[in-house]
Amino acid sequence: MPRISIIIPNLNSKIIDLTLDALQRQEFDLSQIEVLVIGLDDQGLIQENELVRWISTDVPATPAVARNIGMQEAKGDLFCFTDADCIPETDWLARLTAPFKDADNSVVGGGVAFEAKNYWTLCDNLSWFYEYLSSASAGGRNLLPSLNLCVRRQVVDKVGLFDTSYPSAAGEDAEWTTRMRQAGFGLNFVPTAIVYHRPSRASFAAICRHAFRYGRHSIKIKSEYSEFLQTPVFLRKWWAVLLLSPLLATSVTVKVFMFDRALWRYWYALPGILLSKIVWCLGAARSLWDIKA
């Protein structure tokens, strides 16, 4: 019986074979692991074996739906998540699961690394993952992203599965880990458990689409958990978010570079990050307008 279930949603990723190869080269006892990949694979890159199990959804499935299927099929006591555009380091699993030797740890997230070759991909990674980079400090977090996450089965039994009302990869993991924190589970960040994030967003248009979509869906968390998160009033009104978007985007962009001094070497990414934050505000304002309507 595997102790650890690694769950990966896949929507025709062109590098899922690299993800799976990295998992099969983990410096870990592979007899304790099962890997479940859920979704679509029109590239034919997924090869099943004694470690990897492929679950086709026949039709496109959102990340939330795919991960839920994975958890319902999983046999392990620990559920580890990564994405089909991530390449784990060979010691990723050992470092990500080590904190669970302490019974007090129930939810652990790992660090994100990236290549800086493409300007827009760099801006995208810095904009949305600056708090979770491998250069960031270890410790508690208010949210954890699902591209590098491990939780005990008991946590899922208590808080439930992912919310499938999220139609894309845009806030469903933030909502899930908010529920965990609300239920009393601490979120522990371990930067040395590293995955390399290689998203396909490599153009101006791609990061704008991602930022707008993320704004539309992630703002729901601010509304649904406004009391728990102590959401400011101006993030609850569409017109306030729209009017304040330049100020909000500027303040968060400054926060990105102040959070981790190691990021100062990417100073030239500042315009791209600022742009992505403004577009996030536009998406958030649109969502709040829809709720009002």
C-alpha atoms as a PDB file:
ATOM      1  CA  MET A   1       0.000   0.000   0.000  1.00  0.00           C
ATOM      2  CA  PRO A   2       1.552   3.349  -1.021  1.00  0.00           C
ATOM      3  CA  ARG A   3       2.032   5.892   1.748  1.00  0.00           C
ATOM      4  CA  ILE A   4       2.133   8.884  -0.596  1.00  0.00           C
ATOM      5  CA  SER A   5      -0.148   9.703  -3.513  1.00  0.00           C
ATOM      6  CA  ILE A   6       1.151  12.285  -5.979  1.00  0.00           C
ATOM      7  CA  ILE A   7      -1.739  13.873  -7.887  1.00  0.00           C
ATOM      8  CA  ILE A   8      -1.279  15.785 -11.153  1.00  0.00           C
ATOM      9  CA  PRO A   9      -4.025  17.386 -13.268  1.00  0.00           C
ATOM     10  CA  ASN A  10      -3.116  17.331 -16.947  1.00  0.00           C
ATOM     11  CA  LEU A  11      -4.709  19.135 -19.876  1.00  0.00           C
ATOM     12  CA  ASN A  12      -2.550  18.086 -22.814  1.00  0.00           C
ATOM     13  CA  SER A  13       0.702  19.362 -21.311  1.00  0.00           C
ATOM     14  CA  LYS A  14       3.638  19.198 -23.690  1.00  0.00           C
ATOM     15  CA  ILE A  15       6.099  18.507 -20.869  1.00  0.00           C
ATOM     16  CA  ILE A  16       4.168  16.025 -18.689  1.00  0.00           C
ATOM     17  CA  ASP A  17       6.690  13.331 -19.686  1.00  0.00           C
ATOM     18  CA  LEU A  18       9.455  15.444 -18.107  1.00  0.00           C
ATOM     19  CA  THR A  19       7.365  15.833 -14.950  1.00  0.00           C
ATOM     20  CA  LEU A  20       6.855  12.082 -14.687  1.00  0.00           C
ATOM     21  CA  ASP A  21      10.502  11.333 -15.450  1.00  0.00           C
ATOM     22  CA  ALA A  22      11.531  13.644 -12.600  1.00  0.00           C
ATOM     23  CA  LEU A  23       9.150  11.845 -10.238  1.00  0.00           C
ATOM     24  CA  GLN A  24      10.554   8.451 -11.197  1.00  0.00           C
ATOM     25  CA  ARG A  25      14.052   9.733 -10.374  1.00  0.00           C
ATOM     26  CA  GLN A  26      13.155  10.877  -6.870  1.00  0.00           C
ATOM     27  CA  GLU A  27      15.652  10.144  -4.109  1.00  0.00           C
ATOM     28  CA  PHE A  28      12.968   8.301  -2.198  1.00  0.00           C
ATOM     29  CA  ASP A  29      11.638   4.783  -1.662  1.00  0.00           C
ATOM     30  CA  LEU A  30       9.434   4.527  -4.753  1.00  0.00           C
ATOM     31  CA  SER A  31       7.569   1.543  -3.296  1.00  0.00           C
ATOM     32  CA  GLN A  32       5.857   4.041  -0.977  1.00  0.00           C
ATOM     33  CA  ILE A  33       4.607   6.198  -3.875  1.00  0.00           C
ATOM     34  CA  GLU A  34       1.837   6.181  -6.428  1.00  0.00           C
ATOM     35  CA  VAL A  35       1.478   8.834  -9.140  1.00  0.00           C
ATOM     36  CA  LEU A  36      -1.981   9.606 -10.474  1.00  0.00           C
ATOM     37  CA  VAL A  37      -2.323  11.783 -13.574  1.00  0.00           C
ATOM     38  CA  ILE A  38      -5.849  12.906 -14.390  1.00  0.00           C
ATOM     39  CA  GLY A  39      -7.191  14.646 -17.485  1.00  0.00           C
ATOM     40  CA  LEU A  40      -6.369  14.582 -21.198  1.00  0.00           C
ATOM     41  CA  ASP A  41      -3.173  13.649 -23.035  1.00  0.00           C
ATOM     42  CA  ASP A  42      -3.510  14.295 -26.763  1.00  0.00           C
ATOM     43  CA  GLN A  43       0.298  14.325 -27.015  1.00  0.00           C
ATOM     44  CA  GLY A  44       0.475  10.655 -25.942  1.00  0.00           C
ATOM     45  CA  LEU A  45       3.269  11.474 -23.498  1.00  0.00           C
ATOM     46  CA  ILE A  46       2.004   9.569 -20.460  1.00  0.00           C
ATOM     47  CA  GLN A  47       3.289   6.044 -20.084  1.00  0.00           C
ATOM     48  CA  GLU A  48       1.701   3.939 -17.352  1.00  0.00           C
ATOM     49  CA  ASN A  49       3.880   1.649 -15.260  1.00  0.00           C
ATOM     50  CA  GLU A  50       4.060   0.268 -11.726  1.00  0.00           C
ATOM     51  CA  LEU A  51       4.411   3.833 -10.425  1.00  0.00           C
ATOM     52  CA  VAL A  52       2.243   5.920 -12.786  1.00  0.00           C
ATOM     53  CA  ARG A  53      -1.500   5.529 -13.226  1.00  0.00           C
ATOM     54  CA  TRP A  54      -3.308   7.465 -15.957  1.00  0.00           C
ATOM     55  CA  ILE A  55      -6.975   8.415 -15.465  1.00  0.00           C
ATOM     56  CA  SER A  56      -8.543   9.884 -18.603  1.00  0.00           C
ATOM     57  CA  THR A  57     -11.496  12.233 -18.140  1.00  0.00           C
ATOM     58  CA  ASP A  58     -12.407  11.970 -21.859  1.00  0.00           C
ATOM     59  CA  VAL A  59     -13.393  15.649 -21.840  1.00  0.00           C
ATOM     60  CA  PRO A  60     -11.429  18.649 -20.526  1.00  0.00           C
ATOM     61  CA  ALA A  61     -11.531  18.776 -16.720  1.00  0.00           C
ATOM     62  CA  THR A  62     -10.712  21.781 -14.578  1.00  0.00           C
ATOM     63  CA  PRO A  63      -7.760  21.431 -12.187  1.00  0.00           C
ATOM     64  CA  ALA A  64     -10.190  21.306  -9.242  1.00  0.00           C
ATOM     65  CA  VAL A  65     -12.195  18.474 -10.791  1.00  0.00           C
ATOM     66  CA  ALA A  66      -9.071  16.534 -11.811  1.00  0.00           C
ATOM     67  CA  ARG A  67      -7.490  16.826  -8.368  1.00  0.00           C
ATOM     68  CA  ASN A  68     -10.721  15.734  -6.706  1.00  0.00           C
ATOM     69  CA  ILE A  69     -10.830  12.626  -8.897  1.00  0.00           C
ATOM     70  CA  GLY A  70      -7.224  11.951  -7.946  1.00  0.00           C
ATOM     71  CA  MET A  71      -7.939  12.224  -4.223  1.00  0.00           C
ATOM     72  CA  GLN A  72     -10.962   9.959  -4.509  1.00  0.00           C
ATOM     73  CA  GLU A  73      -8.810   7.338  -6.252  1.00  0.00           C
ATOM     74  CA  ALA A  74      -5.711   7.805  -4.072  1.00  0.00           C
ATOM     75  CA  LYS A  75      -4.573   5.170  -1.612  1.00  0.00           C
ATOM     76  CA  GLY A  76      -1.934   7.147   0.302  1.00  0.00           C
ATOM     77  CA  ASP A  77      -2.082   8.840   3.677  1.00  0.00           C
ATOM     78  CA  LEU A  78      -0.381  11.928   2.239  1.00  0.00           C
ATOM     79  CA  PHE A  79      -1.656  13.714  -0.866  1.00  0.00           C
ATOM     80  CA  CYS A  80       1.104  15.544  -2.741  1.00  0.00           C
ATOM     81  CA  PHE A  81       0.225  17.866  -5.591  1.00  0.00           C
ATOM     82  CA  THR A  82       2.208  19.294  -8.457  1.00  0.00           C
ATOM     83  CA  ASP A  83       1.259  20.474 -11.931  1.00  0.00           C
ATOM     84  CA  ALA A  84       1.901  19.184 -15.426  1.00  0.00           C
ATOM     85  CA  ASP A  85       4.078  22.227 -16.194  1.00  0.00           C
ATOM     86  CA  CYS A  86       6.389  21.622 -13.207  1.00  0.00           C
ATOM     87  CA  ILE A  87       9.643  19.658 -12.955  1.00  0.00           C
ATOM     88  CA  PRO A  88      10.421  18.540  -9.377  1.00  0.00           C
ATOM     89  CA  GLU A  89      13.987  18.416  -8.089  1.00  0.00           C
ATOM     90  CA  THR A  90      15.221  14.890  -7.315  1.00  0.00           C
ATOM     91  CA  ASP A  91      14.968  15.540  -3.557  1.00  0.00           C
ATOM     92  CA  TRP A  92      11.578  17.285  -3.835  1.00  0.00           C
ATOM     93  CA  LEU A  93       9.469  14.553  -2.292  1.00  0.00           C
ATOM     94  CA  ALA A  94      11.904  13.833   0.535  1.00  0.00           C
ATOM     95  CA  ARG A  95      11.999  17.511   1.536  1.00  0.00           C
ATOM     96  CA  LEU A  96       8.275  18.097   1.073  1.00  0.00           C
ATOM     97  CA  THR A  97       7.253  15.136   3.238  1.00  0.00           C
ATOM     98  CA  ALA A  98       9.959  15.440   5.920  1.00  0.00           C
ATOM     99  CA  PRO A  99       7.938  17.919   8.042  1.00  0.00           C
ATOM    100  CA  PHE A 100       5.184  15.322   8.446  1.00  0.00           C
ATOM    101  CA  LYS A 101       7.385  13.433  10.901  1.00  0.00           C
ATOM    102  CA  ASP A 102       6.070  16.071  13.290  1.00  0.00           C
ATOM    103  CA  ALA A 103       2.416  15.298  13.993  1.00  0.00           C
ATOM    104  CA  ASP A 104       1.675  19.023  14.246  1.00  0.00           C
ATOM    105  CA  ASN A 105       2.340  19.516  10.526  1.00  0.00           C
ATOM    106  CA  SER A 106      -0.662  18.738   8.346  1.00  0.00           C
ATOM    107  CA  VAL A 107      -0.259  21.084   5.358  1.00  0.00           C
ATOM    108  CA  VAL A 108       3.101  21.830   3.726  1.00  0.00           C
ATOM    109  CA  GLY A 109       3.984  23.778   0.589  1.00  0.00           C
ATOM    110  CA  GLY A 110       7.291  23.827  -1.266  1.00  0.00           C
ATOM    111  CA  GLY A 111       9.367  26.343  -3.178  1.00  0.00           C
ATOM    112  CA  VAL A 112       9.036  27.440  -6.792  1.00  0.00           C
ATOM    113  CA  ALA A 113      12.000  28.026  -9.088  1.00  0.00           C
ATOM    114  CA  PHE A 114      12.029  29.172 -12.716  1.00  0.00           C
ATOM    115  CA  GLU A 115      14.137  30.115 -15.686  1.00  0.00           C
ATOM    116  CA  ALA A 116      14.468  33.785 -16.567  1.00  0.00           C
ATOM    117  CA  LYS A 117      14.939  33.343 -20.315  1.00  0.00           C
ATOM    118  CA  ASN A 118      11.539  34.642 -21.411  1.00  0.00           C
ATOM    119  CA  TYR A 119      10.582  38.069 -20.085  1.00  0.00           C
ATOM    120  CA  TRP A 120       6.835  37.448 -19.881  1.00  0.00           C
ATOM    121  CA  THR A 121       7.200  34.048 -18.220  1.00  0.00           C
ATOM    122  CA  LEU A 122       9.544  35.651 -15.704  1.00  0.00           C
ATOM    123  CA  CYS A 123       7.003  38.397 -14.950  1.00  0.00           C
ATOM    124  CA  ASP A 124       4.226  35.835 -14.580  1.00  0.00           C
ATOM    125  CA  ASN A 125       6.199  33.715 -12.095  1.00  0.00           C
ATOM    126  CA  LEU A 126       7.319  36.698 -10.028  1.00  0.00           C
ATOM    127  CA  SER A 127       3.871  38.262 -10.014  1.00  0.00           C
ATOM    128  CA  TRP A 128       1.952  35.263  -8.675  1.00  0.00           C
ATOM    129  CA  PHE A 129       4.540  33.161  -6.814  1.00  0.00           C
ATOM    130  CA  TYR A 130       6.855  35.691  -5.166  1.00  0.00           C
ATOM    131  CA  GLU A 131       5.846  34.521  -1.673  1.00  0.00           C
ATOM    132  CA  TYR A 132       6.595  30.895  -2.559  1.00  0.00           C
ATOM    133  CA  LEU A 133       9.899  31.068  -4.415  1.00  0.00           C
ATOM    134  CA  SER A 134      12.807  28.875  -3.395  1.00  0.00           C
ATOM    135  CA  SER A 135      14.674  32.015  -2.272  1.00  0.00           C
ATOM    136  CA  ALA A 136      11.921  33.008   0.181  1.00  0.00           C
ATOM    137  CA  SER A 137      12.093  32.377   3.921  1.00  0.00           C
ATOM    138  CA  ALA A 138      10.565  29.279   5.464  1.00  0.00           C
ATOM    139  CA  GLY A 139       7.634  29.583   7.831  1.00  0.00           C
ATOM    140  CA  GLY A 140       3.883  30.049   7.967  1.00  0.00           C
ATOM    141  CA  ARG A 141       1.782  31.287   5.061  1.00  0.00           C
ATOM    142  CA  ASN A 142      -1.823  32.425   4.712  1.00  0.00           C
ATOM    143  CA  LEU A 143      -2.253  30.563   1.412  1.00  0.00           C
ATOM    144  CA  LEU A 144      -0.378  27.843  -0.452  1.00  0.00           C
ATOM    145  CA  PRO A 145      -0.446  27.111  -4.207  1.00  0.00           C
ATOM    146  CA  SER A 146      -1.281  23.616  -5.422  1.00  0.00           C
ATOM    147  CA  LEU A 147       1.635  23.336  -7.839  1.00  0.00           C
ATOM    148  CA  ASN A 148       3.751  22.292  -4.824  1.00  0.00           C
ATOM    149  CA  LEU A 149       1.640  21.136  -1.911  1.00  0.00           C
ATOM    150  CA  CYS A 150       1.217  18.173   0.438  1.00  0.00           C
ATOM    151  CA  VAL A 151      -1.630  17.532   2.886  1.00  0.00           C
ATOM    152  CA  ARG A 152      -2.640  14.735   5.213  1.00  0.00           C
ATOM    153  CA  ARG A 153      -5.678  12.710   4.201  1.00  0.00           C
ATOM    154  CA  GLN A 154      -7.299  13.664   7.513  1.00  0.00           C
ATOM    155  CA  VAL A 155      -7.227  17.331   6.485  1.00  0.00           C
ATOM    156  CA  VAL A 156      -9.232  16.570   3.353  1.00  0.00           C
ATOM    157  CA  ASP A 157     -11.653  14.462   5.395  1.00  0.00           C
ATOM    158  CA  LYS A 158     -12.313  17.518   7.550  1.00  0.00           C
ATOM    159  CA  VAL A 159     -12.382  20.417   5.055  1.00  0.00           C
ATOM    160  CA  GLY A 160     -13.581  18.614   1.942  1.00  0.00           C
ATOM    161  CA  LEU A 161     -12.347  18.571  -1.646  1.00  0.00           C
ATOM    162  CA  PHE A 162     -11.548  21.446  -4.009  1.00  0.00           C
ATOM    163  CA  ASP A 163     -14.418  23.758  -4.888  1.00  0.00           C
ATOM    164  CA  THR A 164     -15.318  22.763  -8.451  1.00  0.00           C
ATOM    165  CA  SER A 165     -17.103  26.051  -9.152  1.00  0.00           C
ATOM    166  CA  TYR A 166     -13.695  27.468 -10.114  1.00  0.00           C
ATOM    167  CA  PRO A 167     -13.614  27.003 -13.908  1.00  0.00           C
ATOM    168  CA  SER A 168      -9.839  27.159 -14.334  1.00  0.00           C
ATOM    169  CA  ALA A 169      -6.546  27.296 -12.449  1.00  0.00           C
ATOM    170  CA  ALA A 170      -7.319  30.618 -10.811  1.00  0.00           C
ATOM    171  CA  GLY A 171      -7.799  30.697  -7.058  1.00  0.00           C
ATOM    172  CA  GLU A 172      -9.183  27.238  -6.325  1.00  0.00           C
ATOM    173  CA  ASP A 173      -6.069  26.340  -4.320  1.00  0.00           C
ATOM    174  CA  ALA A 174      -6.205  29.622  -2.382  1.00  0.00           C
ATOM    175  CA  GLU A 175      -9.828  28.895  -1.496  1.00  0.00           C
ATOM    176  CA  TRP A 176      -8.963  25.334  -0.419  1.00  0.00           C
ATOM    177  CA  THR A 177      -6.052  26.319   1.801  1.00  0.00           C
ATOM    178  CA  THR A 178      -8.100  29.175   3.265  1.00  0.00           C
ATOM    179  CA  ARG A 179     -10.634  26.554   4.383  1.00  0.00           C
ATOM    180  CA  MET A 180      -7.787  24.588   5.935  1.00  0.00           C
ATOM    181  CA  ARG A 181      -6.558  27.578   7.883  1.00  0.00           C
ATOM    182  CA  GLN A 182     -10.108  28.394   8.913  1.00  0.00           C
ATOM    183  CA  ALA A 183     -10.406  24.834  10.253  1.00  0.00           C
ATOM    184  CA  GLY A 184      -7.329  25.391  12.411  1.00  0.00           C
ATOM    185  CA  PHE A 185      -4.602  23.804  10.273  1.00  0.00           C
ATOM    186  CA  GLY A 186      -1.357  25.768   9.983  1.00  0.00           C
ATOM    187  CA  LEU A 187       0.166  26.223   6.528  1.00  0.00           C
ATOM    188  CA  ASN A 188       3.908  25.526   6.596  1.00  0.00           C
ATOM    189  CA  PHE A 189       6.189  26.665   3.764  1.00  0.00           C
ATOM    190  CA  VAL A 190       9.440  24.777   3.041  1.00  0.00           C
ATOM    191  CA  PRO A 191      11.378  26.565   0.264  1.00  0.00           C
ATOM    192  CA  THR A 192      13.923  23.759  -0.221  1.00  0.00           C
ATOM    193  CA  ALA A 193      11.268  21.367  -1.617  1.00  0.00           C
ATOM    194  CA  ILE A 194      11.598  22.744  -5.135  1.00  0.00           C
ATOM    195  CA  VAL A 195       9.681  22.410  -8.381  1.00  0.00           C
ATOM    196  CA  TYR A 196      10.702  24.269 -11.522  1.00  0.00           C
ATOM    197  CA  HIS A 197       7.678  26.014 -12.974  1.00  0.00           C
ATOM    198  CA  ARG A 198       7.596  26.152 -16.768  1.00  0.00           C
ATOM    199  CA  PRO A 199       4.217  27.619 -17.762  1.00  0.00           C
ATOM    200  CA  SER A 200       3.307  28.077 -21.412  1.00  0.00           C
ATOM    201  CA  ARG A 201       2.549  31.769 -20.801  1.00  0.00           C
ATOM    202  CA  ALA A 202       5.340  33.366 -22.810  1.00  0.00           C
ATOM    203  CA  SER A 203       3.748  36.443 -24.385  1.00  0.00           C
ATOM    204  CA  PHE A 204       2.190  39.751 -23.411  1.00  0.00           C
ATOM    205  CA  ALA A 205      -1.262  38.500 -24.389  1.00  0.00           C
ATOM    206  CA  ALA A 206      -0.846  35.251 -22.437  1.00  0.00           C
ATOM    207  CA  ILE A 207       0.028  36.883 -19.124  1.00  0.00           C
ATOM    208  CA  CYS A 208      -2.800  39.408 -19.554  1.00  0.00           C
ATOM    209  CA  ARG A 209      -5.304  36.599 -20.110  1.00  0.00           C
ATOM    210  CA  HIS A 210      -3.958  34.783 -17.057  1.00  0.00           C
ATOM    211  CA  ALA A 211      -4.022  37.902 -14.858  1.00  0.00           C
ATOM    212  CA  PHE A 212      -7.578  38.811 -15.893  1.00  0.00           C
ATOM    213  CA  ARG A 213      -8.815  35.260 -15.307  1.00  0.00           C
ATOM    214  CA  TYR A 214      -7.037  35.090 -11.963  1.00  0.00           C
ATOM    215  CA  GLY A 215      -8.561  38.403 -10.916  1.00  0.00           C
ATOM    216  CA  ARG A 216     -12.062  37.280 -11.895  1.00  0.00           C
ATOM    217  CA  HIS A 217     -11.926  34.099  -9.843  1.00  0.00           C
ATOM    218  CA  SER A 218      -9.531  34.750  -6.958  1.00  0.00           C
ATOM    219  CA  ILE A 219     -11.473  37.831  -5.823  1.00  0.00           C
ATOM    220  CA  LYS A 220     -14.317  35.479  -4.847  1.00  0.00           C
ATOM    221  CA  ILE A 221     -12.227  34.352  -1.885  1.00  0.00           C
ATOM    222  CA  LYS A 222     -12.053  37.932  -0.617  1.00  0.00           C
ATOM    223  CA  SER A 223     -15.844  38.091  -0.713  1.00  0.00           C
ATOM    224  CA  GLU A 224     -16.714  34.601   0.550  1.00  0.00           C
ATOM    225  CA  TYR A 225     -14.263  34.755   3.464  1.00  0.00           C
ATOM    226  CA  SER A 226     -14.320  38.518   3.987  1.00  0.00           C
ATOM    227  CA  GLU A 227     -14.762  38.287   7.762  1.00  0.00           C
ATOM    228  CA  PHE A 228     -12.086  35.620   8.249  1.00  0.00           C
ATOM    229  CA  LEU A 229      -9.642  37.349   5.879  1.00  0.00           C
ATOM    230  CA  GLN A 230     -10.607  40.823   7.081  1.00  0.00           C
ATOM    231  CA  THR A 231     -11.000  41.933   3.481  1.00  0.00           C
ATOM    232  CA  PRO A 232     -10.757  45.728   3.117  1.00  0.00           C
ATOM    233  CA  VAL A 233     -13.973  47.452   2.052  1.00  0.00           C
ATOM    234  CA  PHE A 234     -12.394  48.706  -1.176  1.00  0.00           C
ATOM    235  CA  LEU A 235     -11.859  45.098  -2.323  1.00  0.00           C
ATOM    236  CA  ARG A 236     -15.574  44.396  -1.995  1.00  0.00           C
ATOM    237  CA  LYS A 237     -16.774  47.116  -4.412  1.00  0.00           C
ATOM    238  CA  TRP A 238     -16.205  46.910  -8.159  1.00  0.00           C
ATOM    239  CA  TRP A 239     -15.952  50.644  -8.620  1.00  0.00           C
ATOM    240  CA  ALA A 240     -13.376  50.998  -5.829  1.00  0.00           C
ATOM    241  CA  VAL A 241     -11.161  48.260  -7.289  1.00  0.00           C
ATOM    242  CA  LEU A 242     -11.421  49.864 -10.718  1.00  0.00           C
ATOM    243  CA  LEU A 243     -10.663  53.401  -9.568  1.00  0.00           C
ATOM    244  CA  LEU A 244      -7.862  52.327  -7.251  1.00  0.00           C
ATOM    245  CA  SER A 245      -6.314  49.830  -9.667  1.00  0.00           C
ATOM    246  CA  PRO A 246      -3.158  51.908 -10.409  1.00  0.00           C
ATOM    247  CA  LEU A 247      -2.530  52.416  -6.694  1.00  0.00           C
ATOM    248  CA  LEU A 248      -3.319  48.799  -5.762  1.00  0.00           C
ATOM    249  CA  ALA A 249      -1.118  47.455  -8.568  1.00  0.00           C
ATOM    250  CA  THR A 250       1.773  49.731  -7.606  1.00  0.00           C
ATOM    251  CA  SER A 251       1.616  48.795  -3.909  1.00  0.00           C
ATOM    252  CA  VAL A 252       1.591  45.053  -4.631  1.00  0.00           C
ATOM    253  CA  THR A 253       4.413  45.386  -7.177  1.00  0.00           C
ATOM    254  CA  VAL A 254       6.533  47.151  -4.544  1.00  0.00           C
ATOM    255  CA  LYS A 255       5.614  44.382  -2.101  1.00  0.00           C
ATOM    256  CA  VAL A 256       6.944  41.755  -4.538  1.00  0.00           C
ATOM    257  CA  PHE A 257      10.427  43.264  -4.458  1.00  0.00           C
ATOM    258  CA  MET A 258      10.388  44.106  -0.758  1.00  0.00           C
ATOM    259  CA  PHE A 259       9.285  40.587   0.209  1.00  0.00           C
ATOM    260  CA  ASP A 260      12.505  38.962  -1.035  1.00  0.00           C
ATOM    261  CA  ARG A 261      15.655  40.954  -1.744  1.00  0.00           C
ATOM    262  CA  ALA A 262      16.923  38.149  -3.966  1.00  0.00           C
ATOM    263  CA  LEU A 263      14.382  39.347  -6.513  1.00  0.00           C
ATOM    264  CA  TRP A 264      16.035  42.737  -6.913  1.00  0.00           C
ATOM    265  CA  ARG A 265      18.182  41.306  -9.685  1.00  0.00           C
ATOM    266  CA  TYR A 266      14.986  41.064 -11.722  1.00  0.00           C
ATOM    267  CA  TRP A 267      14.275  44.791 -11.441  1.00  0.00           C
ATOM    268  CA  TYR A 268      13.642  44.947 -15.169  1.00  0.00           C
ATOM    269  CA  ALA A 269      10.523  42.774 -14.678  1.00  0.00           C
ATOM    270  CA  LEU A 270       8.828  45.578 -12.730  1.00  0.00           C
ATOM    271  CA  PRO A 271       6.784  46.943 -15.708  1.00  0.00           C
ATOM    272  CA  GLY A 272       5.486  43.478 -16.574  1.00  0.00           C
ATOM    273  CA  ILE A 273       4.524  42.741 -12.967  1.00  0.00           C
ATOM    274  CA  LEU A 274       2.802  46.109 -12.629  1.00  0.00           C
ATOM    275  CA  LEU A 275       0.857  45.433 -15.811  1.00  0.00           C
ATOM    276  CA  SER A 276      -0.257  42.004 -14.591  1.00  0.00           C
ATOM    277  CA  LYS A 277      -1.497  43.503 -11.313  1.00  0.00           C
ATOM    278  CA  ILE A 278      -3.500  46.196 -13.132  1.00  0.00           C
ATOM    279  CA  VAL A 279      -5.109  43.533 -15.312  1.00  0.00           C
ATOM    280  CA  TRP A 280      -5.859  41.475 -12.177  1.00  0.00           C
ATOM    281  CA  CYS A 281      -7.748  44.493 -10.822  1.00  0.00           C
ATOM    282  CA  LEU A 282      -9.754  44.710 -14.036  1.00  0.00           C
ATOM    283  CA  GLY A 283     -10.697  41.048 -13.755  1.00  0.00           C
ATOM    284  CA  ALA A 284     -11.585  41.441 -10.083  1.00  0.00           C
ATOM    285  CA  ALA A 285     -13.736  44.512 -10.821  1.00  0.00           C
ATOM    286  CA  ARG A 286     -15.555  42.591 -13.552  1.00  0.00           C
ATOM    287  CA  SER A 287     -16.312  39.731 -11.152  1.00  0.00           C
ATOM    288  CA  LEU A 288     -17.579  42.090  -8.433  1.00  0.00           C
ATOM    289  CA  TRP A 289     -19.749  43.816 -11.021  1.00  0.00           C
ATOM    290  CA  ASP A 290     -21.222  40.437 -12.050  1.00  0.00           C
ATOM    291  CA  ILE A 291     -21.965  39.600  -8.402  1.00  0.00           C
ATOM    292  CA  LYS A 292     -23.678  42.986  -7.970  1.00  0.00           C
ATOM    293  CA  ALA A 293     -25.717  42.457 -11.122  1.00  0.00           C
END
